[in-house]
Amino acid sequence: MSQKDDIIRRPVITEKATWQKEKSNKYVFEVSKDCNKIEIKSAIERLFGVTVKNIQTSTTHGKIRSRGRFSGKRPDWKRAIVQLKDGDTIEFFEGV
């Protein structure tokens, strides 16, 4: 991919992601489906000014949902679990 800003879509803030952040300095992001670990690492390091230690990626397939006689499919998405070097943190703005 040519644009580094298009790789990282949003942080995933769930109970499990918060627990990983507190216990093992791991952050979870929704990323573009066609990017690889090297592109994710360079985008995180450039955007947040931190050092990435490890990256795990997984693709989540969208569920089939139905409403009455109509059915559709939610989109597939990819997430990256990024472990940072000890001492580095990322601060997110959480709207109130």
Protein backbone atom coordinates (compact mmCIF):
# COMPACT_ATOMS: atom_id res chain seq x y z
CA MET A 1 0.00 0.00 0.00
CA SER A 2 1.20 3.49 -0.73
CA GLN A 3 -0.64 5.49 1.94
CA LYS A 4 0.45 4.75 5.50
CA ASP A 5 -2.54 6.65 6.89
CA ASP A 6 -4.96 4.18 5.28
CA ILE A 7 -3.43 1.15 7.02
CA ILE A 8 -4.58 1.87 10.59
CA ARG A 9 -8.36 2.32 10.63
CA ARG A 10 -9.24 2.55 14.33
CA PRO A 11 -8.29 1.19 17.73
CA VAL A 12 -10.41 -1.68 19.03
CA ILE A 13 -11.43 -0.93 22.60
CA THR A 14 -13.02 -3.95 24.26
CA GLU A 15 -12.63 -5.61 27.65
CA LYS A 16 -10.11 -8.09 26.28
CA ALA A 17 -8.12 -5.35 24.51
CA THR A 18 -8.05 -3.25 27.68
CA TRP A 19 -6.86 -6.23 29.70
CA GLN A 20 -4.07 -6.92 27.17
CA LYS A 21 -3.02 -3.27 27.30
CA GLU A 22 -2.74 -3.30 31.09
CA LYS A 23 -1.10 -6.71 31.51
CA SER A 24 1.27 -7.13 28.55
CA ASN A 25 1.52 -3.73 26.78
CA LYS A 26 -0.44 -4.92 23.72
CA TYR A 27 -2.74 -2.70 21.67
CA VAL A 28 -5.43 -3.86 19.22
CA PHE A 29 -6.17 -2.03 15.96
CA GLU A 30 -8.49 -2.59 13.02
CA VAL A 31 -6.29 -2.44 9.93
CA SER A 32 -6.72 -2.64 6.17
CA LYS A 33 -7.29 -6.18 4.86
CA ASP A 34 -4.53 -6.03 2.25
CA CYS A 35 -1.64 -4.83 4.42
CA ASN A 36 1.10 -7.00 5.90
CA LYS A 37 2.95 -6.97 9.24
CA ILE A 38 5.85 -4.87 7.94
CA GLU A 39 3.50 -2.12 6.73
CA ILE A 40 1.55 -2.22 10.01
CA LYS A 41 4.76 -1.94 12.03
CA SER A 42 6.05 1.05 10.08
CA ALA A 43 2.66 2.81 10.25
CA ILE A 44 2.36 2.35 14.05
CA GLU A 45 5.92 3.52 14.65
CA ARG A 46 5.45 6.58 12.43
CA LEU A 47 2.00 7.59 13.71
CA PHE A 48 2.58 7.14 17.46
CA GLY A 49 6.38 7.43 17.80
CA VAL A 50 6.82 4.09 19.60
CA THR A 51 8.91 0.96 19.06
CA VAL A 52 7.01 -2.18 18.03
CA LYS A 53 8.23 -5.46 19.52
CA ASN A 54 5.77 -7.98 18.01
CA ILE A 55 2.67 -8.08 15.78
CA GLN A 56 -0.07 -10.71 15.52
CA THR A 57 -2.75 -10.42 12.83
CA SER A 58 -6.05 -12.20 12.30
CA THR A 59 -8.86 -11.88 9.78
CA THR A 60 -12.41 -11.95 11.14
CA HIS A 61 -15.07 -13.07 8.70
CA GLY A 62 -18.34 -11.13 8.70
CA LYS A 63 -21.48 -12.75 10.03
CA ILE A 64 -24.52 -13.45 7.89
CA ARG A 65 -27.41 -11.41 9.26
CA SER A 66 -31.06 -11.60 8.30
CA ARG A 67 -33.99 -9.28 8.83
CA GLY A 68 -37.23 -10.92 7.81
CA ARG A 69 -36.83 -12.51 4.41
CA PHE A 70 -33.79 -10.41 3.49
CA SER A 71 -30.29 -11.51 4.38
CA GLY A 72 -26.92 -9.87 4.06
CA LYS A 73 -23.37 -10.21 5.21
CA ARG A 74 -21.31 -7.96 7.43
CA PRO A 75 -17.92 -7.05 6.00
CA ASP A 76 -14.76 -9.01 6.75
CA TRP A 77 -12.12 -7.13 8.72
CA LYS A 78 -8.56 -7.59 9.89
CA ARG A 79 -7.14 -6.81 13.31
CA ALA A 80 -3.58 -6.43 14.49
CA ILE A 81 -2.42 -7.02 18.06
CA VAL A 82 0.68 -4.87 18.49
CA GLN A 83 3.08 -5.40 21.39
CA LEU A 84 5.23 -2.39 22.23
CA LYS A 85 8.67 -2.17 23.79
CA ASP A 86 8.66 -1.87 27.59
CA GLY A 87 8.11 1.73 28.63
CA ASP A 88 6.26 2.80 25.44
CA THR A 89 2.55 3.62 25.60
CA ILE A 90 -0.14 4.91 23.26
CA GLU A 91 -2.77 7.30 24.62
CA PHE A 92 -6.20 7.18 22.96
CA PHE A 93 -8.78 9.94 23.14
CA GLU A 94 -12.04 8.43 24.35
CA GLY A 95 -14.98 10.74 23.84
CA VAL A 96 -17.16 11.43 26.84
